[in-house]
Amino acid sequence: MENAVKTDVLIVGAGPTGLSLALQLMRYGIDFVIIDKKEGVTDLSKALIVHARTLEIYDQIGLARKAVEAGEKVQKGALMHSGKISAHLDFSDFGSQLSSFPFLLIYEQSKNEHLLYGELRRNGNDVQWQTGLQSLKQDAAGVYTVLKDTDGQTHSVEARYVVGCDGSGSETRHLLGLGFEGSTHPRLFYVADVEMEFQAEKGTFYAPMEENSFVLIVPMQGGKHWRLIGNLPEHENSDHDVSVEEAEAKVKQLVQQPLDITKVRWFSTYRVHTRRAERFSLGRCFLAGDAAHVHTPAGGQGMNTGIQDAYNLAWKIALVLRGEASHSLLDSYNEERVANAKRLLQSTDQFFDIAASDKWYLRLFRNSIFPTVASIATRFDVAKEILFPTVSQIGINYRESALSLHNSDADFDVKAGDRMPYFKIDGASIYDRLNDPKFHLLVFSDGEQSYGDRQASLVAKYGDLLDVNVVPLYPRVIELFGTNRPFTVLLRPDNYIGYIYPGYSSEDVESYLDKVIGHSSTQLSYE
């Protein structure tokens, strides 16, 4: 295209997913253009929770501490029926043996966007605000797009790849002709970001319930700042605009304790959608975040899932663009993230049914059985270690991926495709050694062998693609992996296990990188 701006990646959408993708591409030195129709980052709280897996991703780019300091840790929960607490839930040290971030962090979307955007600008990049995607076409060489700003001016961008991070109404998805099948929950819900006088224990969320309605009351930073999420069954079949006063009356009806909303920062009503694109990639174009999947708000999974979409895709695009992997590596994005979205939609739908369904048997479970089960489960470390990986997203795995080799992991408790387990070395997280954007070879040693020559040989051959760490067989390592003999783990740049192998073999490393990733000693083409 004449006069077209040329770039490696065009990112459409500058919400948490698009901004995260931009920051990840920066780590690999990849050029990009990022656009958004909005005037700037949102000032609405919107998505609420940041989970441990997202904080691990933030930690790699030096943002986790800032998020934690500016957020609110949820330590406890209380289920309520008829104005009384029916169950106490304890989330303190929820996953203390599983992550450096063993808690649920209330850190709303607006803060996430400001944090990510600030980092983007500090590194000399910016978003082209008030600019949308008008058209695109692609061939084997690239994607040719026309952008349009609010003044009606158009300009062209020619990119190697395009990633649509432009929300549930994605123009990218529409232009690609990809379906967005699913359903809409018939019930009417509200969300409010308020300042409220309410007698509560610090770091505790409350969930008052009755036969056909509920409200979730979540503390945000600041003693009187709260998020309210609930349903309004009396308005389900009405076109009447629901006011915040009606929602407040509903909350008071459920809580049956003194409360007073003194300021409304944001209020909205909505119906919950559960939808997924038929595929997350087509040619050189990809979808991520809400452009690819939307689901119920159960568990606060949405924003975190979009950030993980970006994390999964960034290293693959980067290695292909740098000529360090074959183009076929990009097929694994669709394979891995579509499978994850399917599981997520199913699990969040099931949990949402427990919280919001009016079916008699689910009401019985919600009101009579769930409080007891939840209260008992959160008291025991074993139960917490089962619950935390699911809620925090550290339990997501890619065991079925073509990038996960299982020919040698049968005798290990950890499998190829799993996230690298968390443990400490000399008081520091193993993840502190895994921050560089490259593959990581971890050699777990009993100290009886020297790996120096083989380390040097691998690093010399693969350069910036691979680093090598020798780690002692600590008791915690033996416990996690289920073996007391030396073994080797090859981690992908996103810290998921590519393969795990008894002993040490540089030939296996080379075979994985050359055959599975498509690395070649000669420069690969973009095609």
Protein backbone atom coordinates (compact mmCIF):
# COMPACT_ATOMS: atom_id res chain seq x y z
CA MET A 1 0.00 0.00 0.00
CA GLU A 2 1.29 3.47 -0.88
CA ASN A 3 1.98 5.76 2.07
CA ALA A 4 1.04 3.02 4.50
CA VAL A 5 2.62 2.95 7.95
CA LYS A 6 4.45 -0.35 8.31
CA THR A 7 4.69 -2.23 11.58
CA ASP A 8 5.11 -5.75 12.90
CA VAL A 9 1.84 -5.90 14.87
CA LEU A 10 -1.31 -3.78 14.83
CA ILE A 11 -3.16 -4.03 18.14
CA VAL A 12 -6.82 -3.02 17.93
CA GLY A 13 -8.06 -2.03 21.38
CA ALA A 14 -6.23 -0.51 24.36
CA GLY A 15 -8.02 -2.08 27.30
CA PRO A 16 -6.19 -4.41 29.71
CA THR A 17 -5.72 -7.07 27.02
CA GLY A 18 -4.36 -4.76 24.32
CA LEU A 19 -2.13 -2.83 26.69
CA SER A 20 -0.78 -6.08 28.15
CA LEU A 21 -0.01 -7.37 24.67
CA ALA A 22 1.84 -4.15 23.83
CA LEU A 23 3.98 -4.40 26.97
CA GLN A 24 4.79 -8.04 26.25
CA LEU A 25 5.82 -7.25 22.67
CA MET A 26 8.09 -4.51 24.03
CA ARG A 27 9.97 -7.14 26.04
CA TYR A 28 10.89 -8.88 22.78
CA GLY A 29 11.76 -5.72 20.87
CA ILE A 30 8.78 -6.05 18.50
CA ASP A 31 7.44 -2.94 16.76
CA PHE A 32 3.70 -2.31 17.07
CA VAL A 33 0.91 0.21 16.58
CA ILE A 34 -1.93 0.22 19.11
CA ILE A 35 -5.24 2.01 18.50
CA ASP A 36 -8.53 2.52 20.32
CA LYS A 37 -11.78 4.33 19.59
CA LYS A 38 -11.95 5.72 23.13
CA GLU A 39 -10.51 9.08 24.18
CA GLY A 40 -8.23 7.43 26.73
CA VAL A 41 -8.04 4.79 29.43
CA THR A 42 -11.28 4.18 31.28
CA ASP A 43 -12.10 5.88 34.56
CA LEU A 44 -14.83 3.30 35.31
CA SER A 45 -13.95 0.54 37.74
CA LYS A 46 -15.52 -2.26 35.59
CA ALA A 47 -13.64 -5.56 36.12
CA LEU A 48 -12.65 -5.92 39.74
CA ILE A 49 -10.28 -8.76 40.63
CA VAL A 50 -6.64 -9.43 39.73
CA HIS A 51 -5.64 -13.03 40.32
CA ALA A 52 -2.29 -14.58 41.20
CA ARG A 53 -1.46 -15.66 37.66
CA THR A 54 -1.93 -12.12 36.38
CA LEU A 55 0.25 -10.77 39.19
CA GLU A 56 2.96 -13.26 38.21
CA ILE A 57 2.80 -11.83 34.69
CA TYR A 58 2.89 -8.28 36.06
CA ASP A 59 5.87 -9.23 38.22
CA GLN A 60 7.95 -9.96 35.11
CA ILE A 61 7.57 -6.37 33.98
CA GLY A 62 7.96 -4.80 37.42
CA LEU A 63 4.30 -3.90 38.00
CA ALA A 64 3.08 -6.45 40.55
CA ARG A 65 4.22 -4.54 43.63
CA LYS A 66 2.54 -1.36 42.41
CA ALA A 67 -0.72 -3.22 41.85
CA VAL A 68 -0.64 -4.89 45.26
CA GLU A 69 0.16 -1.62 47.05
CA ALA A 70 -2.72 0.17 45.32
CA GLY A 71 -5.21 -2.67 45.71
CA GLU A 72 -7.17 -4.32 48.50
CA LYS A 73 -6.52 -7.92 49.52
CA VAL A 74 -9.61 -10.00 50.20
CA GLN A 75 -8.93 -12.05 53.33
CA LYS A 76 -12.38 -13.25 54.32
CA GLY A 77 -15.92 -13.72 53.10
CA ALA A 78 -19.31 -13.97 54.75
CA LEU A 79 -22.43 -15.60 53.32
CA MET A 80 -25.65 -14.15 54.70
CA HIS A 81 -29.25 -15.32 54.91
CA SER A 82 -32.11 -13.38 56.51
CA GLY A 83 -29.78 -10.69 57.77
CA LYS A 84 -27.47 -13.09 59.58
CA ILE A 85 -24.11 -14.57 58.64
CA SER A 86 -24.62 -18.19 57.66
CA ALA A 87 -20.99 -19.01 56.84
CA HIS A 88 -17.55 -17.52 57.40
CA LEU A 89 -15.00 -18.03 54.63
CA ASP A 90 -11.28 -17.69 55.34
CA PHE A 91 -9.04 -16.71 52.40
CA SER A 92 -6.00 -15.61 54.42
CA ASP A 93 -2.87 -17.32 53.07
CA PHE A 94 -5.16 -18.85 50.47
CA GLY A 95 -2.29 -20.17 48.34
CA SER A 96 0.82 -19.50 50.42
CA GLN A 97 2.64 -22.59 49.10
CA LEU A 98 1.52 -22.07 45.52
CA SER A 99 2.39 -18.51 44.48
CA SER A 100 4.16 -15.35 45.57
CA PHE A 101 0.67 -13.78 45.47
CA PRO A 102 -1.49 -16.05 47.69
CA PHE A 103 -4.59 -13.85 47.77
CA LEU A 104 -7.42 -12.28 45.79
CA LEU A 105 -6.57 -8.67 44.93
CA ILE A 106 -9.27 -6.07 44.41
CA TYR A 107 -7.69 -3.82 41.80
CA GLU A 108 -10.28 -2.55 39.38
CA GLN A 109 -9.95 -2.27 35.62
CA SER A 110 -9.44 1.50 35.59
CA LYS A 111 -6.40 1.12 37.84
CA ASN A 112 -5.06 -1.71 35.71
CA GLU A 113 -5.39 0.36 32.56
CA HIS A 114 -3.69 3.39 34.12
CA LEU A 115 -0.88 1.17 35.41
CA LEU A 116 -0.30 -0.53 32.05
CA TYR A 117 -0.68 2.66 30.02
CA GLY A 118 1.74 4.49 32.29
CA GLU A 119 4.34 1.78 31.72
CA LEU A 120 3.75 1.94 27.98
CA ARG A 121 4.37 5.69 27.91
CA ARG A 122 7.40 5.46 30.19
CA ASN A 123 8.96 3.26 27.54
CA GLY A 124 8.38 5.75 24.75
CA ASN A 125 5.19 4.31 23.24
CA ASP A 126 1.61 5.56 23.09
CA VAL A 127 -1.87 4.65 21.92
CA GLN A 128 -3.50 6.24 18.89
CA TRP A 129 -6.71 7.20 20.67
CA GLN A 130 -10.01 7.99 18.93
CA THR A 131 -8.99 5.73 16.06
CA GLY A 132 -10.88 2.66 14.86
CA LEU A 133 -10.39 -0.16 12.40
CA GLN A 134 -12.38 0.46 9.22
CA SER A 135 -11.24 -2.38 6.95
CA LEU A 136 -8.68 -5.11 6.58
CA LYS A 137 -7.50 -7.63 4.05
CA GLN A 138 -4.65 -10.09 4.28
CA ASP A 139 -2.43 -12.30 2.18
CA ALA A 140 0.61 -14.48 2.77
CA ALA A 141 2.84 -11.45 3.31
CA GLY A 142 0.82 -9.31 5.70
CA VAL A 143 -2.39 -7.55 6.71
CA TYR A 144 -3.47 -4.31 5.06
CA THR A 145 -5.74 -2.12 7.14
CA VAL A 146 -7.48 1.23 6.90
CA LEU A 147 -7.94 3.16 10.13
CA LYS A 148 -10.36 6.03 10.71
CA ASP A 149 -10.19 8.72 13.40
CA THR A 150 -12.98 10.82 14.89
CA ASP A 151 -12.32 13.62 12.40
CA GLY A 152 -13.13 11.24 9.56
CA GLN A 153 -9.52 11.06 8.39
CA THR A 154 -8.31 7.68 7.17
CA HIS A 155 -4.83 6.25 6.93
CA SER A 156 -3.34 2.87 6.15
CA VAL A 157 -1.29 0.53 8.27
CA GLU A 158 0.45 -2.50 6.85
CA ALA A 159 1.22 -5.07 9.57
CA ARG A 160 2.68 -8.53 9.67
CA TYR A 161 -0.05 -9.46 12.16
CA VAL A 162 -3.22 -7.93 13.58
CA VAL A 163 -4.61 -8.71 17.04
CA GLY A 164 -8.18 -7.69 17.84
CA CYS A 165 -8.45 -6.79 21.53
CA ASP A 166 -11.47 -4.59 20.87
CA GLY A 167 -14.10 -6.04 23.19
CA SER A 168 -17.29 -8.05 22.81
CA GLY A 169 -18.48 -5.90 19.89
CA SER A 170 -15.13 -6.45 18.12
CA GLU A 171 -14.88 -4.81 14.71
CA THR A 172 -11.86 -7.04 14.05
CA ARG A 173 -13.95 -10.17 14.57
CA HIS A 174 -16.72 -8.75 12.40
CA LEU A 175 -14.35 -7.93 9.54
CA LEU A 176 -12.88 -11.44 9.75
CA GLY A 177 -16.37 -12.93 9.49
CA LEU A 178 -15.97 -15.05 12.62
CA GLY A 179 -19.09 -16.08 14.51
CA PHE A 180 -19.69 -15.29 18.18
CA GLU A 181 -22.09 -17.98 19.32
CA GLY A 182 -23.54 -18.38 22.77
CA SER A 183 -26.45 -17.30 24.93
CA THR A 184 -27.75 -14.48 27.10
CA HIS A 185 -28.83 -15.07 30.69
CA PRO A 186 -32.47 -13.93 31.02
CA ARG A 187 -32.07 -12.33 34.43
CA LEU A 188 -31.36 -8.61 34.98
CA PHE A 189 -28.27 -7.64 36.95
CA TYR A 190 -26.82 -4.42 38.29
CA VAL A 191 -23.33 -3.29 39.19
CA ALA A 192 -22.56 -0.24 41.31
CA ASP A 193 -19.35 1.38 42.49
CA VAL A 194 -20.33 3.32 45.61
CA GLU A 195 -19.26 5.00 48.79
CA MET A 196 -21.33 3.45 51.53
CA GLU A 197 -21.72 3.49 55.28
CA PHE A 198 -21.75 -0.18 56.22
CA GLN A 199 -20.49 -1.92 59.34
CA ALA A 200 -18.02 -4.51 58.07
CA GLU A 201 -14.84 -6.36 58.91
CA LYS A 202 -11.76 -5.21 56.99
CA GLY A 203 -10.83 -7.18 53.89
CA THR A 204 -14.12 -9.10 53.91
CA PHE A 205 -16.72 -9.48 51.18
CA TYR A 206 -20.36 -10.18 51.99
CA ALA A 207 -22.87 -12.21 49.99
CA PRO A 208 -26.44 -11.86 51.25
CA MET A 209 -28.85 -14.26 49.52
CA GLU A 210 -32.54 -15.04 49.47
CA GLU A 211 -34.73 -17.38 47.45
CA ASN A 212 -34.43 -15.66 44.07
CA SER A 213 -31.89 -12.86 44.49
CA PHE A 214 -28.46 -12.01 45.85
CA VAL A 215 -25.96 -9.19 46.17
CA LEU A 216 -22.19 -9.40 46.37
CA ILE A 217 -20.68 -6.60 48.49
CA VAL A 218 -16.94 -6.31 47.84
CA PRO A 219 -14.51 -3.93 49.61
CA MET A 220 -12.41 -1.68 47.40
CA GLN A 221 -9.49 0.47 48.47
CA GLY A 222 -10.67 3.00 51.03
CA GLY A 223 -12.76 2.14 54.05
CA LYS A 224 -16.09 3.28 52.59
CA HIS A 225 -15.60 2.29 48.95
CA TRP A 226 -17.62 -0.76 47.85
CA ARG A 227 -18.64 -2.69 44.74
CA LEU A 228 -22.21 -4.03 44.61
CA ILE A 229 -23.22 -6.76 42.17
CA GLY A 230 -26.67 -8.29 42.29
CA ASN A 231 -29.81 -9.25 40.43
CA LEU A 232 -33.28 -7.72 40.19
CA PRO A 233 -35.79 -10.51 39.51
CA GLU A 234 -38.73 -8.12 39.78
CA HIS A 235 -37.51 -6.24 36.68
CA GLU A 236 -36.58 -9.18 34.45
CA ASN A 237 -39.46 -8.79 32.01
CA SER A 238 -39.70 -5.02 32.15
CA ASP A 239 -38.33 -2.31 29.88
CA HIS A 240 -38.31 0.05 32.85
CA ASP A 241 -34.96 1.76 33.48
CA VAL A 242 -33.80 0.67 36.89
CA SER A 243 -32.57 3.45 39.17
CA VAL A 244 -29.78 3.24 41.71
CA GLU A 245 -32.39 3.92 44.41
CA GLU A 246 -34.24 0.73 43.45
CA ALA A 247 -30.98 -1.21 43.58
CA GLU A 248 -30.18 0.29 46.98
CA ALA A 249 -33.60 -0.76 48.28
CA LYS A 250 -32.90 -4.29 47.07
CA VAL A 251 -29.52 -4.36 48.82
CA LYS A 252 -31.11 -3.18 52.10
CA GLN A 253 -33.81 -5.84 51.75
CA LEU A 254 -31.16 -8.55 51.44
CA VAL A 255 -28.71 -7.27 54.07
CA GLN A 256 -31.30 -6.38 56.72
CA GLN A 257 -28.65 -4.32 58.49
CA PRO A 258 -28.03 -0.55 58.49
CA LEU A 259 -26.34 0.77 55.36
CA ASP A 260 -26.42 4.07 53.51
CA ILE A 261 -25.10 4.79 50.02
CA THR A 262 -23.64 8.29 50.21
CA LYS A 263 -22.14 8.54 46.71
CA VAL A 264 -22.55 6.64 43.45
CA ARG A 265 -19.40 6.58 41.33
CA TRP A 266 -20.80 4.27 38.69
CA PHE A 267 -24.04 2.37 38.16
CA SER A 268 -25.15 0.11 35.34
CA THR A 269 -27.61 -2.68 34.61
CA TYR A 270 -26.93 -5.52 32.20
CA ARG A 271 -27.76 -9.06 31.14
CA VAL A 272 -25.00 -11.64 31.26
CA HIS A 273 -23.73 -13.05 27.97
CA THR A 274 -21.84 -16.29 27.47
CA ARG A 275 -20.25 -16.33 24.02
CA ARG A 276 -17.12 -17.50 22.24
CA ALA A 277 -15.67 -16.93 18.80
CA GLU A 278 -15.58 -20.08 16.70
CA ARG A 279 -11.80 -19.68 16.48
CA PHE A 280 -9.30 -17.16 17.81
CA SER A 281 -7.19 -16.83 14.68
CA LEU A 282 -7.63 -16.59 10.95
CA GLY A 283 -4.54 -16.27 8.79
CA ARG A 284 -2.42 -13.48 10.22
CA CYS A 285 -5.21 -12.09 12.42
CA PHE A 286 -5.95 -13.01 16.02
CA LEU A 287 -8.60 -12.30 18.66
CA ALA A 288 -7.93 -11.89 22.39
CA GLY A 289 -9.89 -10.96 25.50
CA ASP A 290 -13.58 -10.08 25.17
CA ALA A 291 -13.25 -10.00 21.39
CA ALA A 292 -12.72 -13.78 21.63
CA HIS A 293 -14.88 -14.77 24.61
CA VAL A 294 -17.30 -13.30 27.14
CA HIS A 295 -18.79 -15.08 30.12
CA THR A 296 -20.47 -14.61 33.47
CA PRO A 297 -18.68 -12.49 36.10
CA ALA A 298 -18.36 -15.50 38.43
CA GLY A 299 -14.91 -15.64 39.98
CA GLY A 300 -13.68 -12.43 38.34
CA GLN A 301 -12.08 -14.35 35.47
CA GLY A 302 -12.70 -12.08 32.46
CA MET A 303 -9.99 -9.40 32.59
CA ASN A 304 -7.44 -11.92 33.85
CA THR A 305 -8.20 -14.30 30.99
CA GLY A 306 -7.70 -11.56 28.40
CA ILE A 307 -4.32 -10.67 29.90
CA GLN A 308 -3.34 -14.34 29.71
CA ASP A 309 -4.49 -14.50 26.08
CA ALA A 310 -2.04 -11.69 25.36
CA TYR A 311 0.71 -13.38 27.35
CA ASN A 312 0.24 -16.63 25.45
CA LEU A 313 0.25 -14.97 22.04
CA ALA A 314 3.03 -12.40 22.47
CA TRP A 315 6.00 -14.74 22.75
CA LYS A 316 4.84 -16.81 19.78
CA ILE A 317 4.41 -13.81 17.48
CA ALA A 318 7.73 -12.41 18.70
CA LEU A 319 9.74 -15.56 17.99
CA VAL A 320 8.22 -15.89 14.53
CA LEU A 321 8.91 -12.24 13.71
CA ARG A 322 12.49 -12.56 14.96
CA GLY A 323 13.02 -15.62 12.77
CA GLU A 324 13.53 -17.92 15.76
CA ALA A 325 10.44 -20.10 15.18
CA SER A 326 8.36 -21.31 12.27
CA HIS A 327 5.02 -19.71 11.45
CA SER A 328 3.27 -22.94 12.47
CA LEU A 329 4.02 -22.09 16.11
CA LEU A 330 1.15 -19.59 15.94
CA ASP A 331 -1.34 -22.42 15.44
CA SER A 332 -0.86 -23.30 19.11
CA TYR A 333 -2.47 -20.01 20.20
CA ASN A 334 -5.83 -21.04 18.81
CA GLU A 335 -5.36 -24.60 20.09
CA GLU A 336 -4.48 -23.61 23.65
CA ARG A 337 -6.67 -20.59 24.25
CA VAL A 338 -9.86 -21.90 22.62
CA ALA A 339 -9.62 -25.00 24.81
CA ASN A 340 -9.12 -22.78 27.87
CA ALA A 341 -12.10 -20.60 26.91
CA LYS A 342 -14.33 -23.66 26.57
CA ARG A 343 -13.41 -24.83 30.07
CA LEU A 344 -13.80 -21.32 31.47
CA LEU A 345 -17.25 -20.77 30.02
CA GLN A 346 -18.42 -24.09 31.39
CA SER A 347 -17.05 -23.54 34.90
CA THR A 348 -18.22 -19.93 35.25
CA ASP A 349 -21.69 -20.89 33.98
CA GLN A 350 -21.91 -23.65 36.59
CA PHE A 351 -20.78 -21.38 39.41
CA PHE A 352 -23.11 -18.62 38.24
CA ASP A 353 -26.05 -21.03 38.28
CA ILE A 354 -25.34 -21.78 41.91
CA ALA A 355 -25.33 -18.06 42.75
CA ALA A 356 -28.17 -16.84 40.54
CA SER A 357 -30.40 -19.67 39.30
CA ASP A 358 -34.05 -19.87 40.42
CA LYS A 359 -34.21 -23.66 39.90
CA TRP A 360 -35.49 -25.24 43.12
CA TYR A 361 -32.63 -27.71 43.56
CA LEU A 362 -29.99 -25.02 43.07
CA ARG A 363 -31.82 -22.74 45.51
CA LEU A 364 -31.78 -25.61 48.02
CA PHE A 365 -28.05 -26.12 47.50
CA ARG A 366 -27.32 -22.36 47.63
CA ASN A 367 -29.29 -21.73 50.81
CA SER A 368 -28.88 -24.95 52.80
CA ILE A 369 -25.81 -26.87 51.68
CA PHE A 370 -23.31 -24.47 50.08
CA PRO A 371 -22.73 -22.27 53.18
CA THR A 372 -21.68 -25.27 55.27
CA VAL A 373 -19.50 -26.79 52.55
CA ALA A 374 -17.79 -23.46 51.76
CA SER A 375 -17.16 -22.65 55.42
CA ILE A 376 -15.55 -26.03 56.11
CA ALA A 377 -13.54 -26.08 52.87
CA THR A 378 -11.85 -22.73 53.45
CA ARG A 379 -10.63 -23.75 56.90
CA PHE A 380 -8.30 -26.49 55.73
CA ASP A 381 -5.01 -26.12 53.87
CA VAL A 382 -5.69 -29.15 51.67
CA ALA A 383 -8.96 -27.66 50.46
CA LYS A 384 -7.33 -24.27 49.90
CA GLU A 385 -4.65 -25.90 47.75
CA ILE A 386 -7.40 -27.40 45.60
CA LEU A 387 -9.49 -24.23 45.36
CA PHE A 388 -6.73 -21.68 44.88
CA PRO A 389 -5.33 -22.98 41.55
CA THR A 390 -8.82 -22.92 40.02
CA VAL A 391 -9.78 -19.45 41.22
CA SER A 392 -6.36 -17.85 40.72
CA GLN A 393 -5.83 -19.36 37.22
CA ILE A 394 -2.46 -20.86 38.16
CA GLY A 395 -4.08 -24.26 37.59
CA ILE A 396 -4.63 -23.64 33.87
CA ASN A 397 -2.65 -26.14 31.85
CA TYR A 398 -1.88 -26.92 28.22
CA ARG A 399 -1.34 -30.66 28.60
CA GLU A 400 -3.20 -31.39 25.36
CA SER A 401 -1.19 -28.86 23.35
CA ALA A 402 1.09 -29.88 20.51
CA LEU A 403 3.80 -27.93 22.36
CA SER A 404 3.64 -30.31 25.36
CA LEU A 405 5.71 -33.49 24.99
CA HIS A 406 4.69 -36.36 27.29
CA ASN A 407 7.06 -39.12 26.22
CA SER A 408 9.09 -38.79 29.44
CA ASP A 409 6.77 -37.35 32.12
CA ALA A 410 4.84 -40.47 33.20
CA ASP A 411 6.79 -40.85 36.45
CA PHE A 412 6.49 -37.20 37.45
CA ASP A 413 3.66 -35.62 39.44
CA VAL A 414 4.04 -32.50 37.27
CA LYS A 415 3.35 -32.90 33.55
CA ALA A 416 4.30 -31.17 30.33
CA GLY A 417 1.82 -28.34 29.77
CA ASP A 418 1.58 -27.42 33.45
CA ARG A 419 2.60 -24.04 34.82
CA MET A 420 6.00 -24.22 36.47
CA PRO A 421 5.31 -24.98 40.16
CA TYR A 422 6.19 -22.28 42.65
CA PHE A 423 8.87 -22.89 45.28
CA LYS A 424 11.63 -20.90 46.94
CA ILE A 425 15.40 -21.02 46.57
CA ASP A 426 17.31 -19.37 49.43
CA GLY A 427 14.17 -17.47 50.37
CA ALA A 428 13.47 -16.19 46.84
CA SER A 429 10.85 -17.39 44.37
CA ILE A 430 12.00 -19.64 41.53
CA TYR A 431 10.13 -17.18 39.31
CA ASP A 432 12.74 -14.54 40.07
CA ARG A 433 15.05 -16.55 37.81
CA LEU A 434 12.50 -16.77 35.02
CA ASN A 435 11.90 -13.13 34.15
CA ASP A 436 13.85 -12.93 30.90
CA PRO A 437 11.70 -13.35 27.74
CA LYS A 438 13.18 -16.65 26.56
CA PHE A 439 13.06 -20.42 27.08
CA HIS A 440 14.43 -21.59 30.43
CA LEU A 441 16.20 -24.88 30.94
CA LEU A 442 16.13 -25.93 34.60
CA VAL A 443 18.53 -28.73 35.51
CA PHE A 444 17.59 -30.17 38.92
CA SER A 445 20.84 -31.59 40.23
CA ASP A 446 21.99 -33.77 43.13
CA GLY A 447 25.39 -32.05 42.94
CA GLU A 448 27.26 -35.10 41.70
CA GLN A 449 27.61 -33.96 38.09
CA SER A 450 28.90 -30.87 36.34
CA TYR A 451 26.87 -29.35 33.54
CA GLY A 452 29.14 -26.42 32.69
CA ASP A 453 30.35 -27.53 29.25
CA ARG A 454 26.90 -28.59 28.08
CA GLN A 455 25.37 -25.37 29.40
CA ALA A 456 27.90 -23.30 27.47
CA SER A 457 27.27 -25.34 24.31
CA LEU A 458 23.49 -24.81 24.44
CA VAL A 459 23.75 -21.10 25.21
CA ALA A 460 26.25 -20.68 22.39
CA LYS A 461 23.93 -22.39 19.93
CA TYR A 462 20.65 -20.73 20.94
CA GLY A 463 21.84 -17.35 22.20
CA ASP A 464 18.99 -15.12 23.37
CA LEU A 465 16.46 -17.92 22.86
CA LEU A 466 17.52 -19.97 25.90
CA ASP A 467 19.09 -19.69 29.32
CA VAL A 468 20.14 -22.47 31.69
CA ASN A 469 19.79 -22.69 35.48
CA VAL A 470 21.09 -25.49 37.69
CA VAL A 471 18.86 -25.95 40.74
CA PRO A 472 19.55 -28.24 43.72
CA LEU A 473 17.10 -31.05 44.46
CA TYR A 474 15.56 -29.34 47.46
CA PRO A 475 13.03 -31.32 49.54
CA ARG A 476 10.22 -29.10 48.24
CA VAL A 477 11.28 -29.84 44.65
CA ILE A 478 11.22 -33.58 45.38
CA GLU A 479 7.78 -33.21 46.94
CA LEU A 480 6.35 -31.21 44.02
CA PHE A 481 7.77 -33.29 41.17
CA GLY A 482 7.58 -36.69 42.85
CA THR A 483 11.18 -37.77 42.27
CA ASN A 484 14.48 -37.60 44.14
CA ARG A 485 16.61 -38.21 41.05
CA PRO A 486 18.11 -35.52 38.81
CA PHE A 487 15.85 -34.31 36.03
CA THR A 488 15.48 -31.52 33.49
CA VAL A 489 12.60 -29.16 32.76
CA LEU A 490 12.34 -27.00 29.64
CA LEU A 491 10.07 -24.01 30.16
CA ARG A 492 8.45 -21.98 27.41
CA PRO A 493 8.83 -18.18 27.66
CA ASP A 494 5.42 -18.06 29.40
CA ASN A 495 6.75 -20.44 32.08
CA TYR A 496 4.67 -23.44 31.06
CA ILE A 497 6.53 -26.75 30.83
CA GLY A 498 7.39 -27.87 27.31
CA TYR A 499 8.82 -31.16 28.47
CA ILE A 500 10.19 -32.80 31.60
CA TYR A 501 12.86 -35.46 31.33
CA PRO A 502 14.83 -37.73 33.72
CA GLY A 503 18.51 -36.87 33.83
CA TYR A 504 19.96 -34.42 31.34
CA SER A 505 20.25 -34.51 27.58
CA SER A 506 21.20 -31.54 25.43
CA GLU A 507 19.95 -33.50 22.41
CA ASP A 508 16.41 -33.42 23.81
CA VAL A 509 16.60 -29.66 24.24
CA GLU A 510 17.75 -29.26 20.66
CA SER A 511 15.08 -31.66 19.37
CA TYR A 512 12.30 -29.71 21.13
CA LEU A 513 13.43 -26.29 19.96
CA ASP A 514 14.18 -27.43 16.41
CA LYS A 515 11.23 -29.75 15.78
CA VAL A 516 8.42 -28.50 18.04
CA ILE A 517 9.14 -24.77 17.96
CA GLY A 518 10.58 -24.82 14.46
CA HIS A 519 13.83 -23.13 15.35
CA SER A 520 16.53 -23.24 12.71
CA SER A 521 20.17 -22.24 12.70
CA THR A 522 19.37 -20.31 9.52
CA GLN A 523 17.12 -17.25 9.63
CA LEU A 524 13.47 -18.17 9.19
CA SER A 525 11.17 -16.17 6.94
CA TYR A 526 7.98 -14.52 8.13
CA GLU A 527 5.98 -16.89 5.99
